[in-house]
Amino acid sequence: MKSLLTFDTLITPKFIKFFFYVGVFFCMLTGFGTFISILLGCINGAQMSGSSSAMGAILGLILGVIAGTIVTLVGIVLARVSSELTLVIFMIRDELAWQRENTTKSSLS
């Protein structure tokens, strides 16, 4: 408990995978929201212009699937990259701490 209160032990690396999965979940929700908003926007636009709402639905379906997929994939890649960068920072910290301990021990001998 003492190491936790004095920040000798870092707990963030243990939570990185959890945060990544939460980010993936929100990316999927955002992609689905993008799909729905484009689909409804195209249907409403077709109805407002007096065109067939079936044509607007087809156009919205195509554009929504493409845009929703792109938003989801880009979000997942960015979540992965940010998770990996965070882990790299902690790995660098661990490596520097290891080098500091070994350098101090070898110089004292």
Protein backbone atom coordinates (compact mmCIF):
# COMPACT_ATOMS: atom_id res chain seq x y z
CA MET A 1 0.00 0.00 0.00
CA LYS A 2 2.89 2.34 0.77
CA SER A 3 4.32 2.00 -2.76
CA LEU A 4 0.91 2.89 -4.16
CA LEU A 5 0.67 6.05 -2.07
CA THR A 6 4.25 7.16 -2.82
CA PHE A 7 3.95 6.49 -6.59
CA ASP A 8 6.75 3.90 -6.54
CA THR A 9 4.49 1.46 -8.37
CA LEU A 10 2.59 2.67 -11.42
CA ILE A 11 -0.88 1.28 -11.98
CA THR A 12 -1.65 2.89 -15.35
CA PRO A 13 0.01 0.18 -17.51
CA LYS A 14 -2.36 -2.36 -16.00
CA PHE A 15 -5.37 -0.37 -17.18
CA ILE A 16 -4.19 0.39 -20.73
CA LYS A 17 -5.84 -2.69 -22.27
CA PHE A 18 -9.13 -1.87 -20.54
CA PHE A 19 -9.01 1.72 -21.80
CA PHE A 20 -8.24 0.45 -25.31
CA TYR A 21 -11.35 -1.76 -25.30
CA VAL A 22 -13.46 1.11 -23.98
CA GLY A 23 -12.08 3.26 -26.82
CA VAL A 24 -12.93 0.56 -29.38
CA PHE A 25 -16.46 0.38 -28.00
CA PHE A 26 -16.91 4.15 -28.33
CA CYS A 27 -15.41 4.07 -31.84
CA MET A 28 -17.99 1.48 -32.84
CA LEU A 29 -20.78 3.59 -31.33
CA THR A 30 -19.48 6.64 -33.18
CA GLY A 31 -19.30 4.72 -36.46
CA PHE A 32 -22.85 3.46 -36.00
CA GLY A 33 -24.02 6.99 -35.14
CA THR A 34 -22.33 8.29 -38.28
CA PHE A 35 -24.10 5.64 -40.34
CA ILE A 36 -27.52 6.48 -38.87
CA SER A 37 -27.09 10.26 -39.20
CA ILE A 38 -26.00 10.03 -42.85
CA LEU A 39 -28.82 7.61 -43.66
CA LEU A 40 -31.45 9.84 -42.05
CA GLY A 41 -29.91 12.97 -43.57
CA CYS A 42 -30.09 11.54 -47.07
CA ILE A 43 -33.68 10.37 -46.59
CA ASN A 44 -34.73 13.78 -45.24
CA GLY A 45 -32.85 15.56 -48.02
CA ALA A 46 -34.60 13.46 -50.64
CA GLN A 47 -37.99 14.13 -49.09
CA MET A 48 -37.34 17.88 -48.84
CA SER A 49 -36.32 18.11 -52.48
CA GLY A 50 -39.34 16.12 -53.62
CA SER A 51 -37.30 13.18 -54.88
CA SER A 52 -38.02 9.58 -54.11
CA SER A 53 -37.17 8.74 -50.52
CA ALA A 54 -36.16 5.26 -51.72
CA MET A 55 -33.34 6.81 -53.75
CA GLY A 56 -32.29 8.85 -50.72
CA ALA A 57 -32.35 5.72 -48.58
CA ILE A 58 -30.14 3.84 -51.03
CA LEU A 59 -27.70 6.74 -51.27
CA GLY A 60 -27.72 7.15 -47.49
CA LEU A 61 -27.17 3.45 -47.00
CA ILE A 62 -24.14 3.41 -49.29
CA LEU A 63 -22.61 6.61 -47.93
CA GLY A 64 -23.45 5.67 -44.35
CA VAL A 65 -21.77 2.28 -44.59
CA ILE A 66 -18.65 3.79 -46.16
CA ALA A 67 -18.39 6.72 -43.74
CA GLY A 68 -19.31 4.65 -40.68
CA THR A 69 -16.69 2.05 -41.54
CA ILE A 70 -14.02 4.69 -42.11
CA VAL A 71 -14.84 6.48 -38.84
CA THR A 72 -14.78 3.19 -36.92
CA LEU A 73 -11.51 1.97 -38.42
CA VAL A 74 -9.70 5.29 -38.02
CA GLY A 75 -10.90 5.54 -34.42
CA ILE A 76 -9.73 2.02 -33.59
CA VAL A 77 -6.32 2.66 -35.16
CA LEU A 78 -5.94 5.91 -33.22
CA ALA A 79 -6.99 4.19 -29.98
CA ARG A 80 -4.41 1.46 -30.61
CA VAL A 81 -1.64 3.93 -31.43
CA SER A 82 -2.34 6.03 -28.34
CA SER A 83 -2.38 2.89 -26.17
CA GLU A 84 0.91 1.70 -27.62
CA LEU A 85 2.54 5.10 -27.18
CA THR A 86 1.46 5.16 -23.55
CA LEU A 87 2.91 1.69 -23.03
CA VAL A 88 6.16 2.72 -24.75
CA ILE A 89 6.52 5.64 -22.35
CA PHE A 90 6.15 3.27 -19.40
CA MET A 91 8.61 0.81 -20.95
CA ILE A 92 11.16 3.60 -21.38
CA ARG A 93 10.62 4.58 -17.74
CA ASP A 94 11.15 0.98 -16.60
CA GLU A 95 14.29 0.64 -18.73
CA LEU A 96 15.75 3.87 -17.38
CA ALA A 97 14.99 2.79 -13.81
CA TRP A 98 16.69 -0.56 -14.45
CA GLN A 99 19.75 1.17 -15.93
CA ARG A 100 19.91 3.58 -12.99
CA GLU A 101 19.81 0.73 -10.49
CA ASN A 102 22.44 -1.33 -12.30
CA THR A 103 24.72 1.64 -12.94
CA THR A 104 24.59 2.64 -9.28
CA LYS A 105 25.33 -0.91 -8.13
CA SER A 106 28.23 -1.43 -10.55
CA SER A 107 29.87 1.93 -9.81
CA LEU A 108 29.78 1.23 -6.05
CA SER A 109 31.52 -2.14 -6.44
